[in-house]
Amino acid sequence: QVQLVESGGGSVQAGGSLRLFCAASRDTFRNNVVGWFRQAPGQERAFVASIRWSCGCTYYADSMKGRLTISFDNAKITVTLQMNSLKPEDTAVYYCAVAPGRWLRPTGTVNYDYWGQGTQITVSS
């Protein structure tokens, strides 16, 4: 059974930084794409960033490009999302998810088969 566990959420003031982590059992990420999404109250879940296991290739949502870095640890069993210059509109629940590697740049929730439970980020002004 695939389990994704997010951590690292919390509260921060505008302009601050947070680092999110997505951990999974060994080989969960192998040959797949790991993505981060976020969902604010009353809004749909939206793509944030993704990283492909095979090449470490990354892809970012335009709305947050330049403020994010997604990466694997050396063992490729944990994904880190570094978030800088946070804004109040970044407040949301952030989810980690896994999509099959056949998707080139999966940005839709339908592309992802496995999801974590989510972690809250609150950015105050």
C-alpha atoms as a PDB file:
ATOM      1  CA  GLN A   1       0.000   0.000   0.000  1.00  0.00           C
ATOM      2  CA  VAL A   2       1.393   3.365  -1.020  1.00  0.00           C
ATOM      3  CA  GLN A   3       1.672   5.922   1.759  1.00  0.00           C
ATOM      4  CA  LEU A   4       2.774   9.495   1.303  1.00  0.00           C
ATOM      5  CA  VAL A   5       3.485  11.543   4.387  1.00  0.00           C
ATOM      6  CA  GLU A   6       3.825  15.317   4.196  1.00  0.00           C
ATOM      7  CA  SER A   7       5.463  17.421   6.866  1.00  0.00           C
ATOM      8  CA  GLY A   8       6.887  20.888   7.330  1.00  0.00           C
ATOM      9  CA  GLY A   9       3.756  23.004   7.147  1.00  0.00           C
ATOM     10  CA  GLY A  10       3.006  25.760   9.587  1.00  0.00           C
ATOM     11  CA  SER A  11       2.475  29.472   9.998  1.00  0.00           C
ATOM     12  CA  VAL A  12       4.772  32.161   8.673  1.00  0.00           C
ATOM     13  CA  GLN A  13       4.662  35.873   8.010  1.00  0.00           C
ATOM     14  CA  ALA A  14       4.587  37.246   4.512  1.00  0.00           C
ATOM     15  CA  GLY A  15       8.024  37.192   2.954  1.00  0.00           C
ATOM     16  CA  GLY A  16       9.064  34.188   4.966  1.00  0.00           C
ATOM     17  CA  SER A  17      10.060  30.702   3.888  1.00  0.00           C
ATOM     18  CA  LEU A  18       8.948  27.173   4.576  1.00  0.00           C
ATOM     19  CA  ARG A  19      10.162  23.786   3.518  1.00  0.00           C
ATOM     20  CA  LEU A  20       7.771  20.928   2.918  1.00  0.00           C
ATOM     21  CA  PHE A  21       8.704  17.283   2.844  1.00  0.00           C
ATOM     22  CA  CYS A  22       7.023  14.306   1.245  1.00  0.00           C
ATOM     23  CA  ALA A  23       8.228  10.921   2.400  1.00  0.00           C
ATOM     24  CA  ALA A  24       7.309   7.537   0.986  1.00  0.00           C
ATOM     25  CA  SER A  25       8.369   3.949   1.280  1.00  0.00           C
ATOM     26  CA  ARG A  26      11.325   2.902  -0.828  1.00  0.00           C
ATOM     27  CA  ASP A  27      10.640   2.641  -4.560  1.00  0.00           C
ATOM     28  CA  THR A  28       7.331   4.518  -4.373  1.00  0.00           C
ATOM     29  CA  PHE A  29       8.810   7.353  -6.400  1.00  0.00           C
ATOM     30  CA  ARG A  30      10.861   5.188  -8.752  1.00  0.00           C
ATOM     31  CA  ASN A  31      10.130   5.919 -12.423  1.00  0.00           C
ATOM     32  CA  ASN A  32       7.244   8.184 -11.439  1.00  0.00           C
ATOM     33  CA  VAL A  33       6.547  11.884 -11.110  1.00  0.00           C
ATOM     34  CA  VAL A  34       6.089  13.468  -7.706  1.00  0.00           C
ATOM     35  CA  GLY A  35       3.947  16.557  -7.551  1.00  0.00           C
ATOM     36  CA  TRP A  36       2.779  19.147  -5.075  1.00  0.00           C
ATOM     37  CA  PHE A  37      -0.661  20.673  -5.176  1.00  0.00           C
ATOM     38  CA  ARG A  38      -2.442  23.150  -2.965  1.00  0.00           C
ATOM     39  CA  GLN A  39      -6.034  23.810  -2.089  1.00  0.00           C
ATOM     40  CA  ALA A  40      -7.341  26.973  -0.480  1.00  0.00           C
ATOM     41  CA  PRO A  41     -10.801  27.110   1.103  1.00  0.00           C
ATOM     42  CA  GLY A  42     -13.499  27.218  -1.535  1.00  0.00           C
ATOM     43  CA  GLN A  43     -11.051  26.649  -4.366  1.00  0.00           C
ATOM     44  CA  GLU A  44     -10.071  23.682  -6.484  1.00  0.00           C
ATOM     45  CA  ARG A  45      -6.870  21.807  -5.873  1.00  0.00           C
ATOM     46  CA  ALA A  46      -4.182  23.393  -8.016  1.00  0.00           C
ATOM     47  CA  PHE A  47      -0.808  22.258  -9.316  1.00  0.00           C
ATOM     48  CA  VAL A  48       2.268  23.781  -7.685  1.00  0.00           C
ATOM     49  CA  ALA A  49       5.351  21.838  -8.803  1.00  0.00           C
ATOM     50  CA  SER A  50       6.577  18.438  -9.905  1.00  0.00           C
ATOM     51  CA  ILE A  51       9.770  16.453 -10.267  1.00  0.00           C
ATOM     52  CA  ARG A  52      10.475  13.415 -12.420  1.00  0.00           C
ATOM     53  CA  TRP A  53      12.361  10.589 -10.744  1.00  0.00           C
ATOM     54  CA  SER A  54      14.281   9.464 -13.835  1.00  0.00           C
ATOM     55  CA  CYS A  55      15.981  12.767 -14.583  1.00  0.00           C
ATOM     56  CA  GLY A  56      15.200  15.073 -11.689  1.00  0.00           C
ATOM     57  CA  CYS A  57      13.465  17.326 -14.195  1.00  0.00           C
ATOM     58  CA  THR A  58      11.315  19.928 -12.520  1.00  0.00           C
ATOM     59  CA  TYR A  59       8.240  21.884 -13.520  1.00  0.00           C
ATOM     60  CA  TYR A  60       6.566  24.773 -11.715  1.00  0.00           C
ATOM     61  CA  ALA A  61       3.255  26.545 -11.835  1.00  0.00           C
ATOM     62  CA  ASP A  62       3.598  30.014 -13.339  1.00  0.00           C
ATOM     63  CA  SER A  63       1.967  31.581 -10.294  1.00  0.00           C
ATOM     64  CA  MET A  64       4.788  30.469  -8.033  1.00  0.00           C
ATOM     65  CA  LYS A  65       7.728  30.174 -10.413  1.00  0.00           C
ATOM     66  CA  GLY A  66      10.863  31.771  -9.014  1.00  0.00           C
ATOM     67  CA  ARG A  67       9.800  31.227  -5.440  1.00  0.00           C
ATOM     68  CA  LEU A  68       9.954  27.421  -5.372  1.00  0.00           C
ATOM     69  CA  THR A  69      12.522  24.685  -5.551  1.00  0.00           C
ATOM     70  CA  ILE A  70      11.505  21.037  -5.679  1.00  0.00           C
ATOM     71  CA  SER A  71      14.128  18.354  -5.218  1.00  0.00           C
ATOM     72  CA  PHE A  72      14.844  14.757  -4.262  1.00  0.00           C
ATOM     73  CA  ASP A  73      17.105  13.685  -1.441  1.00  0.00           C
ATOM     74  CA  ASN A  74      20.094  11.566  -2.411  1.00  0.00           C
ATOM     75  CA  ALA A  75      18.207   8.315  -1.879  1.00  0.00           C
ATOM     76  CA  LYS A  76      15.215   9.621  -3.847  1.00  0.00           C
ATOM     77  CA  ILE A  77      12.752   8.606  -1.167  1.00  0.00           C
ATOM     78  CA  THR A  78      11.937  12.104   0.053  1.00  0.00           C
ATOM     79  CA  VAL A  79      10.865  15.134  -1.940  1.00  0.00           C
ATOM     80  CA  THR A  80      11.464  18.616  -0.617  1.00  0.00           C
ATOM     81  CA  LEU A  81       9.580  21.728  -1.663  1.00  0.00           C
ATOM     82  CA  GLN A  82      11.366  24.902  -0.652  1.00  0.00           C
ATOM     83  CA  MET A  83       9.025  27.877  -0.670  1.00  0.00           C
ATOM     84  CA  ASN A  84      10.361  31.431  -0.426  1.00  0.00           C
ATOM     85  CA  SER A  85       8.871  34.913  -0.373  1.00  0.00           C
ATOM     86  CA  LEU A  86       5.557  33.530   0.779  1.00  0.00           C
ATOM     87  CA  LYS A  87       2.435  35.622   0.353  1.00  0.00           C
ATOM     88  CA  PRO A  88      -0.912  35.523   2.172  1.00  0.00           C
ATOM     89  CA  GLU A  89      -2.482  34.112  -0.993  1.00  0.00           C
ATOM     90  CA  ASP A  90      -0.206  31.086  -0.645  1.00  0.00           C
ATOM     91  CA  THR A  91      -2.261  30.039   2.381  1.00  0.00           C
ATOM     92  CA  ALA A  92      -3.661  26.577   1.640  1.00  0.00           C
ATOM     93  CA  VAL A  93      -3.402  22.904   2.375  1.00  0.00           C
ATOM     94  CA  TYR A  94      -0.496  21.476   0.423  1.00  0.00           C
ATOM     95  CA  TYR A  95      -0.603  17.921  -0.883  1.00  0.00           C
ATOM     96  CA  CYS A  96       2.050  15.579  -2.176  1.00  0.00           C
ATOM     97  CA  ALA A  97       1.054  13.157  -4.927  1.00  0.00           C
ATOM     98  CA  VAL A  98       2.506  10.559  -7.292  1.00  0.00           C
ATOM     99  CA  ALA A  99       1.749  10.187 -10.991  1.00  0.00           C
ATOM    100  CA  PRO A 100       2.906   7.443 -13.365  1.00  0.00           C
ATOM    101  CA  GLY A 101       6.047   8.261 -15.264  1.00  0.00           C
ATOM    102  CA  ARG A 102       4.260   8.010 -18.594  1.00  0.00           C
ATOM    103  CA  TRP A 103       2.890  11.508 -18.025  1.00  0.00           C
ATOM    104  CA  LEU A 104       5.327  14.099 -19.360  1.00  0.00           C
ATOM    105  CA  ARG A 105       4.317  17.070 -17.207  1.00  0.00           C
ATOM    106  CA  PRO A 106       1.292  16.081 -15.187  1.00  0.00           C
ATOM    107  CA  THR A 107      -0.477  19.115 -13.783  1.00  0.00           C
ATOM    108  CA  GLY A 108      -4.007  17.806 -13.340  1.00  0.00           C
ATOM    109  CA  THR A 109      -5.245  16.014 -10.265  1.00  0.00           C
ATOM    110  CA  VAL A 110      -6.567  13.248 -12.515  1.00  0.00           C
ATOM    111  CA  ASN A 111      -3.001  12.404 -13.535  1.00  0.00           C
ATOM    112  CA  TYR A 112      -2.028  11.467  -9.988  1.00  0.00           C
ATOM    113  CA  ASP A 113      -2.846   8.109  -8.447  1.00  0.00           C
ATOM    114  CA  TYR A 114      -1.652   8.529  -4.869  1.00  0.00           C
ATOM    115  CA  TRP A 115      -2.055  11.415  -2.438  1.00  0.00           C
ATOM    116  CA  GLY A 116      -0.836  12.379   0.975  1.00  0.00           C
ATOM    117  CA  GLN A 117      -3.056  13.705   3.738  1.00  0.00           C
ATOM    118  CA  GLY A 118      -2.000  17.311   3.255  1.00  0.00           C
ATOM    119  CA  THR A 119      -0.250  19.868   5.408  1.00  0.00           C
ATOM    120  CA  GLN A 120      -1.495  23.365   6.210  1.00  0.00           C
ATOM    121  CA  ILE A 121       0.461  26.498   5.371  1.00  0.00           C
ATOM    122  CA  THR A 122      -0.790  29.801   6.713  1.00  0.00           C
ATOM    123  CA  VAL A 123       0.854  33.040   5.641  1.00  0.00           C
ATOM    124  CA  SER A 124      -0.075  36.154   7.579  1.00  0.00           C
ATOM    125  CA  SER A 125       0.309  39.702   6.323  1.00  0.00           C
END
